[in-house]
Amino acid sequence: FGVLNALQAHAKMSYIEDTTDDSRFVDLPEHSRAPLRACLRCTLLKTFEAFIDYGCDNCEDLLELRDNQERVQQCTTTDYIGMVALMHPQSSWVSKWQRLRKIHENFRT
């Protein structure tokens, strides 16, 4: 019960902080109505085309997705439920809970 209240209070404070500073808002993916794919290694969400054009922000050195449609098909999936926008991986309790502290800010499954 105490942990839940602490998490609710943290979430409420985060919301208040986020709504007071416009620079802290994250834009939706450019083609937000296009089907998104999740990297199987780090769960980053992007469109198929974005993975081909830019690769994975976190795993490109390992997965080599840029300019490789076959690798994008093999290393990403459309099978996920939900998403979270991660803005401050080092200080976010969500990133700690999801073990995402060492990744770039962005959308995750």
PDB file of N, CA and C in Angstrom:
ATOM      1  N   PHE A   1       0.823  -1.196   0.000  1.00  0.00           N
ATOM      2  CA  PHE A   1       0.000   0.000   0.000  1.00  0.00           C
ATOM      3  C   PHE A   1       0.864   1.256   0.000  1.00  0.00           C
ATOM      4  N   GLY A   2       1.898   1.285   0.826  1.00  0.00           N
ATOM      5  CA  GLY A   2       2.771   2.453   0.888  1.00  0.00           C
ATOM      6  C   GLY A   2       3.551   2.670  -0.397  1.00  0.00           C
ATOM      7  N   VAL A   3       4.009   1.576  -1.022  1.00  0.00           N
ATOM      8  CA  VAL A   3       4.752   1.677  -2.278  1.00  0.00           C
ATOM      9  C   VAL A   3       3.857   2.223  -3.373  1.00  0.00           C
ATOM     10  N   LEU A   4       2.619   1.731  -3.442  1.00  0.00           N
ATOM     11  CA  LEU A   4       1.683   2.201  -4.456  1.00  0.00           C
ATOM     12  C   LEU A   4       1.426   3.691  -4.295  1.00  0.00           C
ATOM     13  N   ASN A   5       1.214   4.152  -3.072  1.00  0.00           N
ATOM     14  CA  ASN A   5       1.001   5.579  -2.851  1.00  0.00           C
ATOM     15  C   ASN A   5       2.221   6.394  -3.250  1.00  0.00           C
ATOM     16  N   ALA A   6       3.405   5.880  -2.967  1.00  0.00           N
ATOM     17  CA  ALA A   6       4.629   6.584  -3.357  1.00  0.00           C
ATOM     18  C   ALA A   6       4.734   6.671  -4.871  1.00  0.00           C
ATOM     19  N   LEU A   7       4.402   5.586  -5.571  1.00  0.00           N
ATOM     20  CA  LEU A   7       4.442   5.595  -7.031  1.00  0.00           C
ATOM     21  C   LEU A   7       3.408   6.548  -7.598  1.00  0.00           C
ATOM     22  N   GLN A   8       2.209   6.554  -7.017  1.00  0.00           N
ATOM     23  CA  GLN A   8       1.172   7.473  -7.479  1.00  0.00           C
ATOM     24  C   GLN A   8       1.609   8.920  -7.264  1.00  0.00           C
ATOM     25  N   ALA A   9       2.213   9.200  -6.121  1.00  0.00           N
ATOM     26  CA  ALA A   9       2.686  10.554  -5.841  1.00  0.00           C
ATOM     27  C   ALA A   9       3.782  10.950  -6.815  1.00  0.00           C
ATOM     28  N   HIS A  10       4.705  10.022  -7.100  1.00  0.00           N
ATOM     29  CA  HIS A  10       5.781  10.302  -8.052  1.00  0.00           C
ATOM     30  C   HIS A  10       5.205  10.575  -9.433  1.00  0.00           C
ATOM     31  N   ALA A  11       4.242   9.757  -9.850  1.00  0.00           N
ATOM     32  CA  ALA A  11       3.614   9.951 -11.162  1.00  0.00           C
ATOM     33  C   ALA A  11       2.909  11.296 -11.224  1.00  0.00           C
ATOM     34  N   LYS A  12       2.218  11.662 -10.155  1.00  0.00           N
ATOM     35  CA  LYS A  12       1.510  12.940 -10.127  1.00  0.00           C
ATOM     36  C   LYS A  12       2.511  14.098 -10.198  1.00  0.00           C
ATOM     37  N   MET A  13       3.602  14.013  -9.443  1.00  0.00           N
ATOM     38  CA  MET A  13       4.618  15.066  -9.474  1.00  0.00           C
ATOM     39  C   MET A  13       5.281  15.131 -10.843  1.00  0.00           C
ATOM     40  N   SER A  14       5.543  13.987 -11.457  1.00  0.00           N
ATOM     41  CA  SER A  14       6.139  13.969 -12.792  1.00  0.00           C
ATOM     42  C   SER A  14       5.222  14.643 -13.787  1.00  0.00           C
ATOM     43  N   TYR A  15       3.910  14.394 -13.659  1.00  0.00           N
ATOM     44  CA  TYR A  15       2.944  15.011 -14.563  1.00  0.00           C
ATOM     45  C   TYR A  15       2.957  16.520 -14.376  1.00  0.00           C
ATOM     46  N   ILE A  16       2.966  16.965 -13.131  1.00  0.00           N
ATOM     47  CA  ILE A  16       2.977  18.406 -12.861  1.00  0.00           C
ATOM     48  C   ILE A  16       4.246  19.029 -13.423  1.00  0.00           C
ATOM     49  N   GLU A  17       5.389  18.393 -13.188  1.00  0.00           N
ATOM     50  CA  GLU A  17       6.643  18.919 -13.715  1.00  0.00           C
ATOM     51  C   GLU A  17       6.625  18.953 -15.234  1.00  0.00           C
ATOM     52  N   ASP A  18       6.133  17.883 -15.860  1.00  0.00           N
ATOM     53  CA  ASP A  18       6.118  17.802 -17.318  1.00  0.00           C
ATOM     54  C   ASP A  18       5.200  18.843 -17.944  1.00  0.00           C
ATOM     55  N   THR A  19       4.118  19.206 -17.266  1.00  0.00           N
ATOM     56  CA  THR A  19       3.176  20.150 -17.863  1.00  0.00           C
ATOM     57  C   THR A  19       3.622  21.596 -17.693  1.00  0.00           C
ATOM     58  N   THR A  20       4.649  21.851 -16.909  1.00  0.00           N
ATOM     59  CA  THR A  20       5.095  23.224 -16.715  1.00  0.00           C
ATOM     60  C   THR A  20       6.225  23.627 -17.651  1.00  0.00           C
ATOM     61  N   ASP A  21       6.799  22.694 -18.370  1.00  0.00           N
ATOM     62  CA  ASP A  21       7.933  22.994 -19.238  1.00  0.00           C
ATOM     63  C   ASP A  21       7.718  22.334 -20.594  1.00  0.00           C
ATOM     64  N   ASP A  22       7.363  23.118 -21.612  1.00  0.00           N
ATOM     65  CA  ASP A  22       7.065  22.582 -22.937  1.00  0.00           C
ATOM     66  C   ASP A  22       8.248  21.853 -23.562  1.00  0.00           C
ATOM     67  N   SER A  23       9.472  22.197 -23.186  1.00  0.00           N
ATOM     68  CA  SER A  23      10.643  21.572 -23.797  1.00  0.00           C
ATOM     69  C   SER A  23      10.781  20.103 -23.403  1.00  0.00           C
ATOM     70  N   ARG A  24      10.018  19.666 -22.421  1.00  0.00           N
ATOM     71  CA  ARG A  24      10.136  18.288 -21.953  1.00  0.00           C
ATOM     72  C   ARG A  24       9.168  17.345 -22.657  1.00  0.00           C
ATOM     73  N   PHE A  25       8.305  17.872 -23.538  1.00  0.00           N
ATOM     74  CA  PHE A  25       7.371  17.010 -24.254  1.00  0.00           C
ATOM     75  C   PHE A  25       8.065  16.335 -25.422  1.00  0.00           C
ATOM     76  N   VAL A  26       7.667  15.107 -25.709  1.00  0.00           N
ATOM     77  CA  VAL A  26       8.233  14.329 -26.802  1.00  0.00           C
ATOM     78  C   VAL A  26       7.240  14.307 -27.944  1.00  0.00           C
ATOM     79  N   ASP A  27       7.725  14.509 -29.169  1.00  0.00           N
ATOM     80  CA  ASP A  27       6.855  14.436 -30.334  1.00  0.00           C
ATOM     81  C   ASP A  27       6.541  12.989 -30.656  1.00  0.00           C
ATOM     82  N   LEU A  28       5.332  12.770 -31.177  1.00  0.00           N
ATOM     83  CA  LEU A  28       4.973  11.436 -31.647  1.00  0.00           C
ATOM     84  C   LEU A  28       5.810  11.101 -32.865  1.00  0.00           C
ATOM     85  N   PRO A  29       5.977   9.814 -33.161  1.00  0.00           N
ATOM     86  CA  PRO A  29       6.713   9.454 -34.374  1.00  0.00           C
ATOM     87  C   PRO A  29       6.116  10.154 -35.586  1.00  0.00           C
ATOM     88  N   GLU A  30       6.972  10.470 -36.554  1.00  0.00           N
ATOM     89  CA  GLU A  30       6.577  11.254 -37.719  1.00  0.00           C
ATOM     90  C   GLU A  30       5.342  10.693 -38.414  1.00  0.00           C
ATOM     91  N   HIS A  31       5.288   9.413 -38.602  1.00  0.00           N
ATOM     92  CA  HIS A  31       4.142   8.775 -39.249  1.00  0.00           C
ATOM     93  C   HIS A  31       3.381   7.986 -38.192  1.00  0.00           C
ATOM     94  N   SER A  32       2.750   8.699 -37.248  1.00  0.00           N
ATOM     95  CA  SER A  32       2.165   8.023 -36.096  1.00  0.00           C
ATOM     96  C   SER A  32       1.010   7.097 -36.463  1.00  0.00           C
ATOM     97  N   ARG A  33       0.444   7.234 -37.651  1.00  0.00           N
ATOM     98  CA  ARG A  33      -0.625   6.321 -38.060  1.00  0.00           C
ATOM     99  C   ARG A  33      -0.073   5.122 -38.831  1.00  0.00           C
ATOM    100  N   ALA A  34       1.175   5.173 -39.210  1.00  0.00           N
ATOM    101  CA  ALA A  34       1.801   4.038 -39.893  1.00  0.00           C
ATOM    102  C   ALA A  34       2.048   2.940 -38.860  1.00  0.00           C
ATOM    103  N   PRO A  35       1.983   1.684 -39.294  1.00  0.00           N
ATOM    104  CA  PRO A  35       2.255   0.600 -38.335  1.00  0.00           C
ATOM    105  C   PRO A  35       3.684   0.705 -37.799  1.00  0.00           C
ATOM    106  N   LEU A  36       3.811   0.587 -36.502  1.00  0.00           N
ATOM    107  CA  LEU A  36       5.124   0.666 -35.871  1.00  0.00           C
ATOM    108  C   LEU A  36       5.663  -0.732 -35.622  1.00  0.00           C
ATOM    109  N   ARG A  37       6.978  -0.813 -35.584  1.00  0.00           N
ATOM    110  CA  ARG A  37       7.664  -2.072 -35.296  1.00  0.00           C
ATOM    111  C   ARG A  37       8.533  -1.851 -34.061  1.00  0.00           C
ATOM    112  N   ALA A  38       8.724  -2.888 -33.290  1.00  0.00           N
ATOM    113  CA  ALA A  38       9.546  -2.826 -32.085  1.00  0.00           C
ATOM    114  C   ALA A  38      10.829  -3.616 -32.305  1.00  0.00           C
ATOM    115  N   CYS A  39      11.944  -3.015 -31.943  1.00  0.00           N
ATOM    116  CA  CYS A  39      13.220  -3.729 -31.970  1.00  0.00           C
ATOM    117  C   CYS A  39      13.132  -4.878 -30.959  1.00  0.00           C
ATOM    118  N   LEU A  40      13.498  -6.069 -31.373  1.00  0.00           N
ATOM    119  CA  LEU A  40      13.411  -7.231 -30.490  1.00  0.00           C
ATOM    120  C   LEU A  40      14.438  -7.181 -29.363  1.00  0.00           C
ATOM    121  N   ARG A  41      15.491  -6.404 -29.523  1.00  0.00           N
ATOM    122  CA  ARG A  41      16.534  -6.334 -28.493  1.00  0.00           C
ATOM    123  C   ARG A  41      16.241  -5.253 -27.452  1.00  0.00           C
ATOM    124  N   CYS A  42      15.885  -4.029 -27.895  1.00  0.00           N
ATOM    125  CA  CYS A  42      15.725  -2.922 -26.940  1.00  0.00           C
ATOM    126  C   CYS A  42      14.302  -2.377 -26.866  1.00  0.00           C
ATOM    127  N   THR A  43      13.387  -2.857 -27.681  1.00  0.00           N
ATOM    128  CA  THR A  43      11.965  -2.497 -27.730  1.00  0.00           C
ATOM    129  C   THR A  43      11.683  -1.097 -28.275  1.00  0.00           C
ATOM    130  N   LEU A  44      12.646  -0.456 -28.900  1.00  0.00           N
ATOM    131  CA  LEU A  44      12.422   0.853 -29.512  1.00  0.00           C
ATOM    132  C   LEU A  44      11.359   0.738 -30.598  1.00  0.00           C
ATOM    133  N   LEU A  45      10.434   1.694 -30.645  1.00  0.00           N
ATOM    134  CA  LEU A  45       9.378   1.708 -31.657  1.00  0.00           C
ATOM    135  C   LEU A  45       9.706   2.687 -32.766  1.00  0.00           C
ATOM    136  N   LYS A  46       9.610   2.213 -34.003  1.00  0.00           N
ATOM    137  CA  LYS A  46       9.792   3.043 -35.195  1.00  0.00           C
ATOM    138  C   LYS A  46       8.974   2.433 -36.320  1.00  0.00           C
ATOM    139  N   THR A  47       8.819   3.184 -37.401  1.00  0.00           N
ATOM    140  CA  THR A  47       8.209   2.596 -38.589  1.00  0.00           C
ATOM    141  C   THR A  47       9.249   1.708 -39.277  1.00  0.00           C
ATOM    142  N   PHE A  48       8.775   0.835 -40.146  1.00  0.00           N
ATOM    143  CA  PHE A  48       9.664  -0.031 -40.921  1.00  0.00           C
ATOM    144  C   PHE A  48      10.669   0.821 -41.688  1.00  0.00           C
ATOM    145  N   GLU A  49      10.156   1.895 -42.316  1.00  0.00           N
ATOM    146  CA  GLU A  49      11.015   2.779 -43.110  1.00  0.00           C
ATOM    147  C   GLU A  49      12.065   3.474 -42.246  1.00  0.00           C
ATOM    148  N   ALA A  50      11.695   3.868 -41.029  1.00  0.00           N
ATOM    149  CA  ALA A  50      12.656   4.537 -40.142  1.00  0.00           C
ATOM    150  C   ALA A  50      13.778   3.586 -39.725  1.00  0.00           C
ATOM    151  N   PHE A  51      13.450   2.319 -39.488  1.00  0.00           N
ATOM    152  CA  PHE A  51      14.505   1.343 -39.179  1.00  0.00           C
ATOM    153  C   PHE A  51      15.438   1.177 -40.375  1.00  0.00           C
ATOM    154  N   ILE A  52      14.891   1.170 -41.588  1.00  0.00           N
ATOM    155  CA  ILE A  52      15.730   1.039 -42.784  1.00  0.00           C
ATOM    156  C   ILE A  52      16.582   2.290 -42.985  1.00  0.00           C
ATOM    157  N   ASP A  53      15.975   3.467 -42.824  1.00  0.00           N
ATOM    158  CA  ASP A  53      16.688   4.728 -43.057  1.00  0.00           C
ATOM    159  C   ASP A  53      17.747   5.020 -41.998  1.00  0.00           C
ATOM    160  N   TYR A  54      17.445   4.755 -40.720  1.00  0.00           N
ATOM    161  CA  TYR A  54      18.319   5.186 -39.627  1.00  0.00           C
ATOM    162  C   TYR A  54      18.844   4.052 -38.751  1.00  0.00           C
ATOM    163  N   GLY A  55      18.283   2.850 -38.898  1.00  0.00           N
ATOM    164  CA  GLY A  55      18.662   1.760 -38.015  1.00  0.00           C
ATOM    165  C   GLY A  55      18.045   1.935 -36.641  1.00  0.00           C
ATOM    166  N   CYS A  56      18.515   1.168 -35.686  1.00  0.00           N
ATOM    167  CA  CYS A  56      18.033   1.267 -34.306  1.00  0.00           C
ATOM    168  C   CYS A  56      18.963   2.203 -33.535  1.00  0.00           C
ATOM    169  N   ASP A  57      18.383   3.162 -32.829  1.00  0.00           N
ATOM    170  CA  ASP A  57      19.182   4.139 -32.086  1.00  0.00           C
ATOM    171  C   ASP A  57      20.079   3.482 -31.038  1.00  0.00           C
ATOM    172  N   ASN A  58      19.669   2.343 -30.523  1.00  0.00           N
ATOM    173  CA  ASN A  58      20.398   1.685 -29.444  1.00  0.00           C
ATOM    174  C   ASN A  58      21.228   0.485 -29.890  1.00  0.00           C
ATOM    175  N   CYS A  59      20.798  -0.193 -30.941  1.00  0.00           N
ATOM    176  CA  CYS A  59      21.390  -1.494 -31.291  1.00  0.00           C
ATOM    177  C   CYS A  59      22.029  -1.536 -32.674  1.00  0.00           C
ATOM    178  N   GLU A  60      22.180  -0.411 -33.334  1.00  0.00           N
ATOM    179  CA  GLU A  60      22.643  -0.416 -34.723  1.00  0.00           C
ATOM    180  C   GLU A  60      24.006  -1.087 -34.880  1.00  0.00           C
ATOM    181  N   ASP A  61      24.921  -0.858 -33.964  1.00  0.00           N
ATOM    182  CA  ASP A  61      26.253  -1.478 -34.066  1.00  0.00           C
ATOM    183  C   ASP A  61      26.174  -2.999 -34.054  1.00  0.00           C
ATOM    184  N   LEU A  62      25.221  -3.532 -33.331  1.00  0.00           N
ATOM    185  CA  LEU A  62      25.075  -4.979 -33.216  1.00  0.00           C
ATOM    186  C   LEU A  62      24.176  -5.566 -34.309  1.00  0.00           C
ATOM    187  N   LEU A  63      23.023  -4.925 -34.562  1.00  0.00           N
ATOM    188  CA  LEU A  63      22.026  -5.507 -35.468  1.00  0.00           C
ATOM    189  C   LEU A  63      22.188  -5.114 -36.934  1.00  0.00           C
ATOM    190  N   GLU A  64      22.804  -3.974 -37.195  1.00  0.00           N
ATOM    191  CA  GLU A  64      23.029  -3.494 -38.571  1.00  0.00           C
ATOM    192  C   GLU A  64      21.739  -3.496 -39.404  1.00  0.00           C
ATOM    193  N   LEU A  65      20.750  -2.739 -38.938  1.00  0.00           N
ATOM    194  CA  LEU A  65      19.449  -2.683 -39.608  1.00  0.00           C
ATOM    195  C   LEU A  65      19.404  -1.671 -40.749  1.00  0.00           C
ATOM    196  N   ARG A  66      20.230  -0.650 -40.682  1.00  0.00           N
ATOM    197  CA  ARG A  66      20.198   0.421 -41.687  1.00  0.00           C
ATOM    198  C   ARG A  66      20.405  -0.145 -43.088  1.00  0.00           C
ATOM    199  N   ASP A  67      19.501   0.257 -44.006  1.00  0.00           N
ATOM    200  CA  ASP A  67      19.557  -0.145 -45.421  1.00  0.00           C
ATOM    201  C   ASP A  67      19.476  -1.660 -45.623  1.00  0.00           C
ATOM    202  N   ASN A  68      18.817  -2.375 -44.716  1.00  0.00           N
ATOM    203  CA  ASN A  68      18.737  -3.827 -44.827  1.00  0.00           C
ATOM    204  C   ASN A  68      17.329  -4.304 -44.447  1.00  0.00           C
ATOM    205  N   GLN A  69      16.445  -4.404 -45.441  1.00  0.00           N
ATOM    206  CA  GLN A  69      15.052  -4.788 -45.196  1.00  0.00           C
ATOM    207  C   GLN A  69      14.930  -6.166 -44.550  1.00  0.00           C
ATOM    208  N   GLU A  70      15.759  -7.102 -44.982  1.00  0.00           N
ATOM    209  CA  GLU A  70      15.686  -8.455 -44.426  1.00  0.00           C
ATOM    210  C   GLU A  70      16.018  -8.461 -42.934  1.00  0.00           C
ATOM    211  N   ARG A  71      17.060  -7.718 -42.536  1.00  0.00           N
ATOM    212  CA  ARG A  71      17.434  -7.636 -41.116  1.00  0.00           C
ATOM    213  C   ARG A  71      16.340  -6.949 -40.305  1.00  0.00           C
ATOM    214  N   VAL A  72      15.714  -5.908 -40.875  1.00  0.00           N
ATOM    215  CA  VAL A  72      14.622  -5.227 -40.170  1.00  0.00           C
ATOM    216  C   VAL A  72      13.476  -6.209 -39.936  1.00  0.00           C
ATOM    217  N   GLN A  73      13.144  -7.018 -40.933  1.00  0.00           N
ATOM    218  CA  GLN A  73      12.094  -8.036 -40.774  1.00  0.00           C
ATOM    219  C   GLN A  73      12.471  -9.043 -39.678  1.00  0.00           C
ATOM    220  N   GLN A  74      13.735  -9.455 -39.640  1.00  0.00           N
ATOM    221  CA  GLN A  74      14.184 -10.467 -38.682  1.00  0.00           C
ATOM    222  C   GLN A  74      14.302  -9.934 -37.258  1.00  0.00           C
ATOM    223  N   CYS A  75      14.702  -8.677 -37.113  1.00  0.00           N
ATOM    224  CA  CYS A  75      15.063  -8.143 -35.794  1.00  0.00           C
ATOM    225  C   CYS A  75      14.028  -7.210 -35.187  1.00  0.00           C
ATOM    226  N   THR A  76      12.879  -7.031 -35.854  1.00  0.00           N
ATOM    227  CA  THR A  76      11.805  -6.200 -35.314  1.00  0.00           C
ATOM    228  C   THR A  76      10.492  -6.966 -35.413  1.00  0.00           C
ATOM    229  N   THR A  77       9.489  -6.495 -34.683  1.00  0.00           N
ATOM    230  CA  THR A  77       8.188  -7.157 -34.689  1.00  0.00           C
ATOM    231  C   THR A  77       7.060  -6.132 -34.613  1.00  0.00           C
ATOM    232  N   THR A  78       5.912  -6.506 -35.128  1.00  0.00           N
ATOM    233  CA  THR A  78       4.702  -5.688 -34.975  1.00  0.00           C
ATOM    234  C   THR A  78       3.842  -6.244 -33.846  1.00  0.00           C
ATOM    235  N   ASP A  79       4.288  -7.294 -33.202  1.00  0.00           N
ATOM    236  CA  ASP A  79       3.524  -7.968 -32.153  1.00  0.00           C
ATOM    237  C   ASP A  79       3.926  -7.431 -30.781  1.00  0.00           C
ATOM    238  N   TYR A  80       3.263  -6.376 -30.335  1.00  0.00           N
ATOM    239  CA  TYR A  80       3.505  -5.800 -29.015  1.00  0.00           C
ATOM    240  C   TYR A  80       2.202  -5.201 -28.508  1.00  0.00           C
ATOM    241  N   ILE A  81       2.133  -4.976 -27.220  1.00  0.00           N
ATOM    242  CA  ILE A  81       0.952  -4.373 -26.608  1.00  0.00           C
ATOM    243  C   ILE A  81       1.403  -3.152 -25.822  1.00  0.00           C
ATOM    244  N   GLY A  82       0.886  -1.989 -26.178  1.00  0.00           N
ATOM    245  CA  GLY A  82       1.162  -0.771 -25.434  1.00  0.00           C
ATOM    246  C   GLY A  82       2.499  -0.145 -25.756  1.00  0.00           C
ATOM    247  N   MET A  83       2.671   1.083 -25.251  1.00  0.00           N
ATOM    248  CA  MET A  83       3.933   1.799 -25.434  1.00  0.00           C
ATOM    249  C   MET A  83       4.100   2.802 -24.307  1.00  0.00           C
ATOM    250  N   VAL A  84       5.329   3.232 -24.124  1.00  0.00           N
ATOM    251  CA  VAL A  84       5.651   4.248 -23.134  1.00  0.00           C
ATOM    252  C   VAL A  84       6.639   5.217 -23.772  1.00  0.00           C
ATOM    253  N   ALA A  85       6.476   6.504 -23.484  1.00  0.00           N
ATOM    254  CA  ALA A  85       7.433   7.511 -23.948  1.00  0.00           C
ATOM    255  C   ALA A  85       8.445   7.723 -22.831  1.00  0.00           C
ATOM    256  N   LEU A  86       9.692   7.464 -23.116  1.00  0.00           N
ATOM    257  CA  LEU A  86      10.750   7.569 -22.118  1.00  0.00           C
ATOM    258  C   LEU A  86      11.565   8.819 -22.403  1.00  0.00           C
ATOM    259  N   MET A  87      11.517   9.778 -21.472  1.00  0.00           N
ATOM    260  CA  MET A  87      12.176  11.059 -21.694  1.00  0.00           C
ATOM    261  C   MET A  87      13.484  11.195 -20.921  1.00  0.00           C
ATOM    262  N   HIS A  88      13.555  10.651 -19.740  1.00  0.00           N
ATOM    263  CA  HIS A  88      14.747  10.765 -18.889  1.00  0.00           C
ATOM    264  C   HIS A  88      15.108   9.382 -18.346  1.00  0.00           C
ATOM    265  N   PRO A  89      15.795   8.559 -19.143  1.00  0.00           N
ATOM    266  CA  PRO A  89      16.070   7.183 -18.725  1.00  0.00           C
ATOM    267  C   PRO A  89      16.843   7.067 -17.412  1.00  0.00           C
ATOM    268  N   GLN A  90      17.709   8.007 -17.105  1.00  0.00           N
ATOM    269  CA  GLN A  90      18.531   7.905 -15.899  1.00  0.00           C
ATOM    270  C   GLN A  90      17.743   8.142 -14.619  1.00  0.00           C
ATOM    271  N   SER A  91      16.671   8.952 -14.675  1.00  0.00           N
ATOM    272  CA  SER A  91      15.939   9.286 -13.455  1.00  0.00           C
ATOM    273  C   SER A  91      14.526   8.723 -13.407  1.00  0.00           C
ATOM    274  N   SER A  92      14.103   8.023 -14.416  1.00  0.00           N
ATOM    275  CA  SER A  92      12.729   7.524 -14.488  1.00  0.00           C
ATOM    276  C   SER A  92      12.575   6.202 -13.750  1.00  0.00           C
ATOM    277  N   TRP A  93      11.559   6.100 -12.891  1.00  0.00           N
ATOM    278  CA  TRP A  93      11.302   4.821 -12.224  1.00  0.00           C
ATOM    279  C   TRP A  93      10.807   3.789 -13.233  1.00  0.00           C
ATOM    280  N   VAL A  94      10.154   4.228 -14.307  1.00  0.00           N
ATOM    281  CA  VAL A  94       9.693   3.302 -15.345  1.00  0.00           C
ATOM    282  C   VAL A  94      10.892   2.666 -16.041  1.00  0.00           C
ATOM    283  N   SER A  95      11.913   3.475 -16.358  1.00  0.00           N
ATOM    284  CA  SER A  95      13.098   2.912 -17.017  1.00  0.00           C
ATOM    285  C   SER A  95      13.831   1.944 -16.091  1.00  0.00           C
ATOM    286  N   LYS A  96      13.827   2.229 -14.796  1.00  0.00           N
ATOM    287  CA  LYS A  96      14.442   1.301 -13.843  1.00  0.00           C
ATOM    288  C   LYS A  96      13.638   0.004 -13.793  1.00  0.00           C
ATOM    289  N   TRP A  97      12.323   0.116 -13.707  1.00  0.00           N
ATOM    290  CA  TRP A  97      11.439  -1.050 -13.633  1.00  0.00           C
ATOM    291  C   TRP A  97      11.545  -1.898 -14.899  1.00  0.00           C
ATOM    292  N   GLN A  98      11.660  -1.244 -16.064  1.00  0.00           N
ATOM    293  CA  GLN A  98      11.743  -1.949 -17.340  1.00  0.00           C
ATOM    294  C   GLN A  98      13.188  -2.262 -17.747  1.00  0.00           C
ATOM    295  N   ARG A  99      14.155  -1.886 -16.910  1.00  0.00           N
ATOM    296  CA  ARG A  99      15.587  -2.089 -17.174  1.00  0.00           C
ATOM    297  C   ARG A  99      16.014  -1.414 -18.482  1.00  0.00           C
ATOM    298  N   LEU A 100      15.669  -0.133 -18.598  1.00  0.00           N
ATOM    299  CA  LEU A 100      15.961   0.633 -19.812  1.00  0.00           C
ATOM    300  C   LEU A 100      16.839   1.847 -19.519  1.00  0.00           C
ATOM    301  N   ARG A 101      17.668   1.800 -18.513  1.00  0.00           N
ATOM    302  CA  ARG A 101      18.453   2.963 -18.097  1.00  0.00           C
ATOM    303  C   ARG A 101      19.527   3.381 -19.104  1.00  0.00           C
ATOM    304  N   LYS A 102      20.040   2.465 -19.903  1.00  0.00           N
ATOM    305  CA  LYS A 102      21.176   2.780 -20.774  1.00  0.00           C
ATOM    306  C   LYS A 102      20.766   2.959 -22.226  1.00  0.00           C
ATOM    307  N   ILE A 103      19.575   3.499 -22.465  1.00  0.00           N
ATOM    308  CA  ILE A 103      19.103   3.668 -23.833  1.00  0.00           C
ATOM    309  C   ILE A 103      18.758   5.120 -24.103  1.00  0.00           C
ATOM    310  N   HIS A 104      18.525   5.428 -25.368  1.00  0.00           N
ATOM    311  CA  HIS A 104      18.148   6.771 -25.769  1.00  0.00           C
ATOM    312  C   HIS A 104      16.693   7.039 -25.425  1.00  0.00           C
ATOM    313  N   GLU A 105      16.357   8.342 -25.263  1.00  0.00           N
ATOM    314  CA  GLU A 105      14.968   8.717 -25.039  1.00  0.00           C
ATOM    315  C   GLU A 105      14.168   8.398 -26.288  1.00  0.00           C
ATOM    316  N   ASN A 106      12.978   7.867 -26.132  1.00  0.00           N
ATOM    317  CA  ASN A 106      12.100   7.594 -27.262  1.00  0.00           C
ATOM    318  C   ASN A 106      10.922   6.766 -26.806  1.00  0.00           C
ATOM    319  N   PHE A 107      10.211   6.220 -27.776  1.00  0.00           N
ATOM    320  CA  PHE A 107       9.049   5.390 -27.486  1.00  0.00           C
ATOM    321  C   PHE A 107       9.463   3.935 -27.362  1.00  0.00           C
ATOM    322  N   ARG A 108       8.894   3.246 -26.383  1.00  0.00           N
ATOM    323  CA  ARG A 108       9.183   1.844 -26.122  1.00  0.00           C
ATOM    324  C   ARG A 108       7.883   1.072 -25.991  1.00  0.00           C
ATOM    325  N   THR A 109       7.978  -0.230 -26.235  1.00  0.00           N
ATOM    326  CA  THR A 109       6.809  -1.087 -26.040  1.00  0.00           C
ATOM    327  C   THR A 109       6.692  -1.447 -24.583  1.00  0.00           C
TER     328      THR A 109
END
